[in-house]
Amino acid sequence: MFALIREYMDNYEFYVILSGSAMQYAESFKKDLYNVRWFYPSNAYDEGFVEHSEKILPFCTTKVTDEQYELLYKTLKSFAVKINPSIIIRGTPCFELGVEELLPRVSKDIGVECYCYQECYGVGNCLNDNEDKIACIGVNNVGVIDFYAKTILLKAGFAKDIVIVGDITYWRYKHLESFSARRKRIRKTLGVGDDFVILYCMLAVNDSENEVRHFMDVASSIAVLHKRNTNVKFFVKFHPRNNDKEKALVRSSNTDFIEFEYSADDACCFADVIISACSSINGDALAYYSAFENEQCMLKSIYTKGEWEHNLVVQHMHCAEWQKYRIKDGHVFCDIGDDLTFLLESILSSDLTQPKTVLFVPKKPLCLENLFNGEFL
């Protein structure tokens, strides 16, 4: 949503409610934004939203009981009445219920249209009516990044309007240095030169055991590759929500990796392959690339699908139809283990066809009216 604010802050005043890891992300974005007032839920859900002006406080949770959820709904409705918004925009988080899922109910109560923008391939919660007994009202329309995202949403059973509006983050990168320049700089800083660089982005599913198991499975595949080619460098980026226990288990795993400690924008451009289950870094990397590069895409974005993770991803992203080794504009989907090792070797040896374009390039600058008017790009 930060890229959307950047594009429209000259025309709108934004009231933004932050929760979860968005609070950490906002620290790096908020200094460049204006016409924005930032809020987060108070500790007690019936005490309203707290506005901050300088430092974002570390506490915020929207994982609540039904009783707290009802209090949160009443608080959110009171907040919306007070600010009297022209429009309401919500996202599509995959795992927890909270403020965003309550917004359609609030919008109906106060007579303000609620629009939904889907920032990744997750289908989100409470998009349809009656998906939850408290967040009982869904949205009438969802803006998605591309045709594939629309297909997933249709298979998930969303029965209302789905509009392809392009990827908002694509335009965010136009404010940065070029992809090639940043890539060259960060690779020089990290001393990787012409090495084959793999970046693995940790999950954050609040399940340390499976979190670390998934990492170890990926690391094992990369270790096999490294024995055959010593020019392979393995980096790991922790998720903002990874807790100390998860980080400690990974760091003590006797796996040969380098911890990536630079910005998310740096993470988007320095690797040759980005591996994750469903991290936004994969899509952001291709969006960044597409903002500057016109030749064939050099990046590969791999989504792994191991046995335990398969259930997680299918449940929340409805992607059981993803095929092995299917390259669609830079995206590859495969299983952990021998499949992943084979795929990495194929990429390293250039046996896989390079995609000519990347997935996230809209035909024209994203416009909020595309969502409001149902206009396809």
Protein backbone atom coordinates (compact mmCIF):
# COMPACT_ATOMS: atom_id res chain seq x y z
CA MET A 1 0.00 0.00 0.00
CA PHE A 2 2.97 2.34 0.48
CA ALA A 3 3.53 2.55 -3.26
CA LEU A 4 -0.14 3.46 -3.73
CA ILE A 5 0.19 6.24 -1.17
CA ARG A 6 3.29 7.58 -2.90
CA GLU A 7 1.45 7.84 -6.21
CA TYR A 8 -1.68 9.52 -4.81
CA MET A 9 -0.54 11.57 -1.82
CA ASP A 10 -0.85 14.80 -3.83
CA ASN A 11 -4.56 14.11 -4.36
CA TYR A 12 -5.67 12.33 -1.19
CA GLU A 13 -5.13 12.48 2.54
CA PHE A 14 -4.51 8.96 3.82
CA TYR A 15 -5.42 7.49 7.19
CA VAL A 16 -3.43 4.27 7.52
CA ILE A 17 -3.98 1.63 10.21
CA LEU A 18 -0.82 -0.39 10.70
CA SER A 19 -0.57 -3.89 12.14
CA GLY A 20 1.91 -6.74 12.29
CA SER A 21 5.08 -6.50 10.19
CA ALA A 22 3.68 -3.49 8.31
CA MET A 23 4.72 -1.41 11.30
CA GLN A 24 8.34 -2.32 10.70
CA TYR A 25 8.10 -1.77 6.95
CA ALA A 26 6.51 1.63 7.51
CA GLU A 27 9.63 2.92 9.26
CA SER A 28 11.56 2.82 5.98
CA PHE A 29 8.71 4.31 3.92
CA LYS A 30 7.08 6.96 6.06
CA LYS A 31 9.89 9.51 5.80
CA ASP A 32 9.20 9.87 2.07
CA LEU A 33 5.44 10.24 2.39
CA TYR A 34 3.19 13.16 3.26
CA ASN A 35 -0.57 13.70 3.63
CA VAL A 36 -0.53 10.54 5.74
CA ARG A 37 -1.68 9.97 9.33
CA TRP A 38 -0.55 6.69 10.88
CA PHE A 39 -2.54 4.73 13.46
CA TYR A 40 -2.34 1.38 15.21
CA PRO A 41 -4.81 -0.46 17.48
CA SER A 42 -4.54 0.18 21.19
CA ASN A 43 -3.78 -2.64 23.63
CA ALA A 44 -7.44 -2.76 24.65
CA TYR A 45 -9.62 -3.12 21.60
CA ASP A 46 -12.31 -0.82 22.95
CA GLU A 47 -9.94 2.11 23.44
CA GLY A 48 -9.65 3.21 19.84
CA PHE A 49 -6.63 3.67 17.63
CA VAL A 50 -3.45 5.41 18.67
CA GLU A 51 -1.87 7.96 16.36
CA HIS A 52 1.89 8.28 16.24
CA SER A 53 3.92 11.04 14.71
CA GLU A 54 7.56 10.15 15.24
CA LYS A 55 8.47 6.57 16.17
CA ILE A 56 6.33 3.55 15.36
CA LEU A 57 5.78 1.60 18.56
CA PRO A 58 6.68 -2.11 18.45
CA PHE A 59 3.41 -3.44 19.89
CA CYS A 60 0.49 -4.34 17.70
CA THR A 61 -1.62 -7.46 17.34
CA THR A 62 -4.84 -8.25 15.53
CA LYS A 63 -5.03 -11.92 16.54
CA VAL A 64 -7.99 -11.66 18.86
CA THR A 65 -10.81 -13.58 20.48
CA ASP A 66 -14.40 -13.28 19.21
CA GLU A 67 -15.24 -10.93 22.08
CA GLN A 68 -12.20 -8.74 21.35
CA TYR A 69 -13.01 -8.93 17.66
CA GLU A 70 -16.46 -7.47 18.27
CA LEU A 71 -14.88 -4.69 20.33
CA LEU A 72 -12.42 -4.06 17.51
CA TYR A 73 -15.30 -3.80 15.05
CA LYS A 74 -17.08 -1.20 17.20
CA THR A 75 -13.85 0.75 17.63
CA LEU A 76 -13.12 0.64 13.91
CA LYS A 77 -16.63 1.82 13.04
CA SER A 78 -16.32 4.74 15.48
CA PHE A 79 -12.95 5.61 13.98
CA ALA A 80 -14.35 5.55 10.44
CA VAL A 81 -17.31 7.74 11.39
CA LYS A 82 -14.94 10.25 12.97
CA ILE A 83 -12.61 10.62 9.96
CA ASN A 84 -15.46 10.34 7.39
CA PRO A 85 -13.41 8.79 4.53
CA SER A 86 -14.25 9.19 0.85
CA ILE A 87 -13.22 5.59 0.12
CA ILE A 88 -11.87 2.63 2.07
CA ILE A 89 -9.14 0.32 0.73
CA ARG A 90 -8.21 -3.01 2.33
CA GLY A 91 -5.60 -5.61 1.48
CA THR A 92 -5.79 -9.41 1.42
CA PRO A 93 -3.75 -10.95 4.26
CA CYS A 94 -3.63 -14.73 4.18
CA PHE A 95 -3.46 -16.00 7.75
CA GLU A 96 -4.97 -13.91 10.54
CA LEU A 97 -8.27 -12.10 10.87
CA GLY A 98 -8.22 -8.47 11.95
CA VAL A 99 -8.81 -4.88 10.92
CA GLU A 100 -8.79 -5.46 7.17
CA GLU A 101 -11.43 -8.19 7.34
CA LEU A 102 -13.72 -5.91 9.35
CA LEU A 103 -13.49 -2.98 6.96
CA PRO A 104 -16.20 -4.18 4.51
CA ARG A 105 -18.69 -4.50 7.37
CA VAL A 106 -17.78 -1.03 8.61
CA SER A 107 -17.99 0.44 5.10
CA LYS A 108 -21.50 -0.92 4.64
CA ASP A 109 -22.55 0.49 8.01
CA ILE A 110 -21.37 4.01 7.18
CA GLY A 111 -22.27 3.96 3.47
CA VAL A 112 -18.73 4.26 2.06
CA GLU A 113 -17.51 1.96 -0.71
CA CYS A 114 -14.75 -0.51 0.26
CA TYR A 115 -12.25 -1.58 -2.40
CA CYS A 116 -9.76 -4.41 -2.09
CA TYR A 117 -6.30 -4.64 -3.62
CA GLN A 118 -4.55 -8.02 -3.64
CA GLU A 119 -0.81 -7.48 -3.38
CA CYS A 120 0.28 -11.09 -3.88
CA TYR A 121 -1.11 -14.48 -4.90
CA GLY A 122 -2.72 -15.13 -1.51
CA VAL A 123 -6.50 -15.16 -1.63
CA GLY A 124 -7.00 -13.45 1.70
CA ASN A 125 -9.69 -13.82 4.34
CA CYS A 126 -13.36 -12.80 4.33
CA LEU A 127 -13.59 -11.65 0.73
CA ASN A 128 -17.02 -13.23 0.35
CA ASP A 129 -20.04 -12.63 2.55
CA ASN A 130 -20.52 -14.88 5.59
CA GLU A 131 -16.96 -16.26 5.62
CA ASP A 132 -16.74 -15.30 9.29
CA LYS A 133 -19.50 -14.80 11.86
CA ILE A 134 -18.21 -11.35 12.90
CA ALA A 135 -16.47 -10.13 9.75
CA CYS A 136 -19.62 -11.24 7.98
CA ILE A 137 -19.52 -8.94 4.96
CA GLY A 138 -17.14 -9.41 2.04
CA VAL A 139 -16.04 -7.04 -0.70
CA ASN A 140 -17.80 -6.32 -3.98
CA ASN A 141 -14.61 -6.12 -6.01
CA VAL A 142 -10.94 -7.03 -5.84
CA GLY A 143 -8.10 -5.52 -7.86
CA VAL A 144 -5.39 -8.08 -8.68
CA ILE A 145 -1.95 -7.82 -10.21
CA ASP A 146 -2.38 -10.12 -13.23
CA PHE A 147 -4.47 -12.76 -14.96
CA TYR A 148 -2.91 -15.59 -12.97
CA ALA A 149 -3.89 -13.94 -9.68
CA LYS A 150 -7.42 -13.61 -11.05
CA THR A 151 -7.47 -17.33 -11.89
CA ILE A 152 -6.44 -18.26 -8.35
CA LEU A 153 -9.11 -16.03 -6.87
CA LEU A 154 -11.77 -17.57 -9.10
CA LYS A 155 -10.72 -21.07 -8.05
CA ALA A 156 -10.90 -19.95 -4.42
CA GLY A 157 -14.60 -19.26 -4.96
CA PHE A 158 -14.66 -15.46 -5.08
CA ALA A 159 -17.92 -14.73 -6.85
CA LYS A 160 -17.84 -10.95 -7.36
CA ASP A 161 -15.93 -8.56 -9.63
CA ILE A 162 -12.20 -9.21 -10.16
CA VAL A 163 -10.33 -6.45 -11.96
CA ILE A 164 -6.74 -6.66 -13.24
CA VAL A 165 -5.08 -3.39 -12.26
CA GLY A 166 -1.36 -4.21 -12.41
CA ASP A 167 1.19 -4.21 -9.62
CA ILE A 168 1.42 -1.04 -7.55
CA THR A 169 4.94 -1.87 -6.38
CA TYR A 170 6.17 -1.66 -9.98
CA TRP A 171 5.86 2.12 -9.88
CA ARG A 172 7.61 2.35 -6.53
CA TYR A 173 10.86 1.24 -8.16
CA LYS A 174 10.83 4.13 -10.58
CA HIS A 175 11.90 6.24 -7.58
CA LEU A 176 15.03 4.10 -7.01
CA GLU A 177 18.34 3.76 -8.79
CA SER A 178 18.34 1.38 -11.73
CA PHE A 179 18.17 -2.34 -11.10
CA SER A 180 21.52 -2.97 -12.82
CA ALA A 181 23.33 -0.23 -10.90
CA ARG A 182 22.00 -1.38 -7.55
CA ARG A 183 22.74 -5.02 -8.37
CA LYS A 184 26.33 -4.24 -9.33
CA ARG A 185 26.85 -2.18 -6.18
CA ILE A 186 25.45 -4.69 -3.71
CA ARG A 187 27.20 -7.66 -5.32
CA LYS A 188 30.48 -5.79 -5.10
CA THR A 189 29.79 -4.95 -1.45
CA LEU A 190 29.07 -8.62 -0.70
CA GLY A 191 32.09 -9.81 -2.67
CA VAL A 192 30.17 -12.30 -4.80
CA GLY A 193 31.44 -11.15 -8.21
CA ASP A 194 30.27 -13.56 -10.90
CA ASP A 195 29.20 -16.25 -8.45
CA PHE A 196 25.81 -17.93 -8.75
CA VAL A 197 23.91 -16.34 -5.87
CA ILE A 198 20.84 -17.91 -4.23
CA LEU A 199 18.74 -15.96 -1.74
CA TYR A 200 16.36 -17.91 0.49
CA CYS A 201 13.61 -15.89 2.21
CA MET A 202 12.42 -17.37 5.47
CA LEU A 203 8.74 -17.97 6.10
CA ALA A 204 6.80 -16.60 9.03
CA VAL A 205 3.96 -18.95 9.86
CA ASN A 206 4.37 -18.96 13.66
CA ASP A 207 5.50 -22.59 13.58
CA SER A 208 9.19 -22.80 14.45
CA GLU A 209 9.48 -26.54 13.87
CA ASN A 210 8.12 -26.48 10.34
CA GLU A 211 9.75 -23.16 9.62
CA VAL A 212 13.20 -24.56 10.31
CA ARG A 213 12.42 -27.91 8.69
CA HIS A 214 11.56 -26.15 5.46
CA PHE A 215 14.79 -24.17 5.62
CA MET A 216 16.82 -27.34 6.19
CA ASP A 217 15.19 -29.08 3.22
CA VAL A 218 16.01 -26.15 0.95
CA ALA A 219 19.55 -25.91 2.37
CA SER A 220 20.12 -29.62 1.70
CA SER A 221 19.27 -29.19 -1.97
CA ILE A 222 21.58 -26.22 -2.24
CA ALA A 223 24.38 -28.14 -0.44
CA VAL A 224 24.22 -30.84 -3.11
CA LEU A 225 24.50 -28.16 -5.78
CA HIS A 226 27.42 -26.51 -3.98
CA LYS A 227 29.42 -29.76 -3.95
CA ARG A 228 29.20 -29.82 -7.74
CA ASN A 229 29.91 -26.13 -8.20
CA THR A 230 31.85 -24.13 -5.62
CA ASN A 231 30.82 -20.83 -7.21
CA VAL A 232 27.39 -21.13 -5.58
CA LYS A 233 26.76 -18.65 -2.75
CA PHE A 234 23.83 -19.19 -0.38
CA PHE A 235 22.24 -16.21 1.43
CA VAL A 236 19.36 -16.26 3.91
CA LYS A 237 17.00 -13.36 4.65
CA PHE A 238 14.94 -13.58 7.83
CA HIS A 239 11.32 -12.46 7.77
CA PRO A 240 10.46 -9.46 9.99
CA ARG A 241 8.18 -11.75 12.01
CA ASN A 242 10.74 -14.52 12.57
CA ASN A 243 11.24 -14.80 16.30
CA ASP A 244 14.52 -15.27 18.17
CA LYS A 245 13.94 -19.01 18.53
CA GLU A 246 13.55 -19.50 14.78
CA LYS A 247 16.62 -17.42 14.04
CA ALA A 248 18.68 -19.29 16.64
CA LEU A 249 17.67 -22.68 15.23
CA VAL A 250 18.65 -21.63 11.71
CA ARG A 251 21.93 -20.10 12.83
CA SER A 252 22.87 -23.25 14.76
CA SER A 253 21.93 -25.62 11.95
CA ASN A 254 25.51 -26.20 10.74
CA THR A 255 24.40 -24.99 7.33
CA ASP A 256 26.85 -22.96 5.31
CA PHE A 257 25.01 -19.74 4.52
CA ILE A 258 25.51 -15.98 4.68
CA GLU A 259 22.90 -13.94 6.52
CA PHE A 260 21.57 -11.11 4.35
CA GLU A 261 21.28 -7.98 6.48
CA TYR A 262 20.64 -5.29 3.89
CA SER A 263 17.40 -3.63 2.79
CA ALA A 264 14.51 -5.34 1.01
CA ASP A 265 15.29 -3.32 -2.14
CA ASP A 266 18.85 -4.68 -2.08
CA ALA A 267 17.46 -8.17 -1.58
CA CYS A 268 15.35 -7.74 -4.70
CA CYS A 269 18.24 -7.23 -7.06
CA PHE A 270 21.50 -8.94 -6.06
CA ALA A 271 20.64 -12.66 -6.35
CA ASP A 272 20.31 -14.85 -9.44
CA VAL A 273 17.63 -17.00 -7.83
CA ILE A 274 15.21 -16.10 -5.05
CA ILE A 275 13.59 -19.02 -3.22
CA SER A 276 10.63 -18.84 -0.88
CA ALA A 277 7.26 -20.40 -0.19
CA CYS A 278 5.18 -17.26 -0.65
CA SER A 279 7.34 -14.25 0.20
CA SER A 280 6.55 -10.94 -1.47
CA ILE A 281 10.27 -10.57 -2.22
CA ASN A 282 9.82 -12.89 -5.21
CA GLY A 283 7.29 -10.64 -6.88
CA ASP A 284 9.01 -7.44 -5.80
CA ALA A 285 12.26 -8.59 -7.42
CA LEU A 286 10.58 -9.13 -10.78
CA ALA A 287 8.72 -5.83 -10.47
CA TYR A 288 12.01 -4.01 -9.76
CA TYR A 289 13.65 -5.72 -12.73
CA SER A 290 10.81 -4.86 -15.06
CA ALA A 291 10.94 -1.18 -14.10
CA PHE A 292 14.37 -0.75 -15.72
CA GLU A 293 15.38 -3.72 -17.86
CA ASN A 294 14.11 -4.45 -21.36
CA GLU A 295 16.08 -7.58 -22.29
CA GLN A 296 15.23 -11.13 -21.32
CA CYS A 297 14.70 -11.62 -17.63
CA MET A 298 17.81 -12.82 -15.80
CA LEU A 299 16.03 -13.48 -12.52
CA LYS A 300 14.35 -16.71 -11.46
CA SER A 301 11.85 -16.66 -8.64
CA ILE A 302 11.27 -20.15 -7.21
CA TYR A 303 8.30 -21.12 -5.06
CA THR A 304 9.00 -24.38 -3.26
CA LYS A 305 6.26 -26.81 -2.35
CA GLY A 306 7.38 -29.49 0.10
CA GLU A 307 5.04 -32.02 1.72
CA TRP A 308 4.20 -30.03 4.86
CA GLU A 309 4.27 -26.72 3.08
CA HIS A 310 2.03 -28.01 0.33
CA ASN A 311 -0.91 -28.10 2.74
CA LEU A 312 -0.18 -24.55 3.93
CA VAL A 313 0.12 -23.06 0.47
CA VAL A 314 -2.83 -24.91 -1.03
CA GLN A 315 -5.02 -23.89 1.89
CA HIS A 316 -4.17 -20.21 1.80
CA MET A 317 -3.14 -19.62 -1.82
CA HIS A 318 -5.19 -22.20 -3.73
CA CYS A 319 -2.27 -23.12 -5.97
CA ALA A 320 -2.54 -26.92 -6.19
CA GLU A 321 -2.55 -26.54 -9.97
CA TRP A 322 0.98 -25.11 -10.05
CA GLN A 323 3.12 -27.35 -12.25
CA LYS A 324 6.73 -28.36 -11.70
CA TYR A 325 9.29 -26.26 -13.58
CA ARG A 326 6.62 -24.02 -15.08
CA ILE A 327 8.36 -20.78 -15.92
CA LYS A 328 5.93 -17.93 -16.34
CA ASP A 329 7.68 -14.63 -16.78
CA GLY A 330 10.38 -15.42 -14.23
CA HIS A 331 8.35 -17.55 -11.81
CA VAL A 332 9.17 -21.23 -11.28
CA PHE A 333 7.26 -23.70 -9.10
CA CYS A 334 8.79 -26.96 -7.86
CA ASP A 335 9.10 -29.42 -4.98
CA ILE A 336 11.89 -29.43 -2.39
CA GLY A 337 14.56 -32.13 -2.73
CA ASP A 338 15.88 -33.60 -5.96
CA ASP A 339 13.46 -31.46 -7.98
CA LEU A 340 14.86 -28.26 -6.50
CA THR A 341 18.48 -29.39 -7.00
CA PHE A 342 17.75 -30.31 -10.62
CA LEU A 343 16.03 -27.01 -11.24
CA LEU A 344 18.89 -24.98 -9.73
CA GLU A 345 21.42 -26.92 -11.82
CA SER A 346 19.34 -26.26 -14.93
CA ILE A 347 19.25 -22.54 -14.19
CA LEU A 348 22.98 -22.48 -13.43
CA SER A 349 23.78 -24.19 -16.72
CA SER A 350 21.26 -22.04 -18.64
CA ASP A 351 19.33 -25.12 -19.77
CA LEU A 352 16.05 -23.41 -18.97
CA THR A 353 14.59 -20.96 -21.46
CA GLN A 354 14.87 -17.35 -20.35
CA PRO A 355 11.50 -15.62 -20.03
CA LYS A 356 11.21 -12.66 -22.36
CA THR A 357 9.12 -10.53 -20.05
CA VAL A 358 8.32 -10.36 -16.38
CA LEU A 359 4.93 -10.80 -14.84
CA PHE A 360 4.27 -7.47 -13.21
CA VAL A 361 4.55 -4.90 -15.98
CA PRO A 362 1.23 -3.06 -16.42
CA LYS A 363 0.53 -1.54 -19.82
CA LYS A 364 0.05 1.89 -18.30
CA PRO A 365 0.54 3.47 -14.87
CA LEU A 366 -1.75 1.98 -12.30
CA CYS A 367 -4.72 4.18 -11.65
CA LEU A 368 -7.13 3.84 -8.74
CA GLU A 369 -9.95 4.50 -11.18
CA ASN A 370 -9.11 1.15 -12.87
CA LEU A 371 -10.36 -0.51 -9.70
CA PHE A 372 -13.23 1.89 -9.10
CA ASN A 373 -14.54 1.67 -12.66
CA GLY A 374 -13.73 -1.98 -13.35
CA GLU A 375 -11.34 -1.06 -16.15
CA PHE A 376 -8.94 -3.77 -17.29
CA LEU A 377 -5.35 -2.97 -18.24
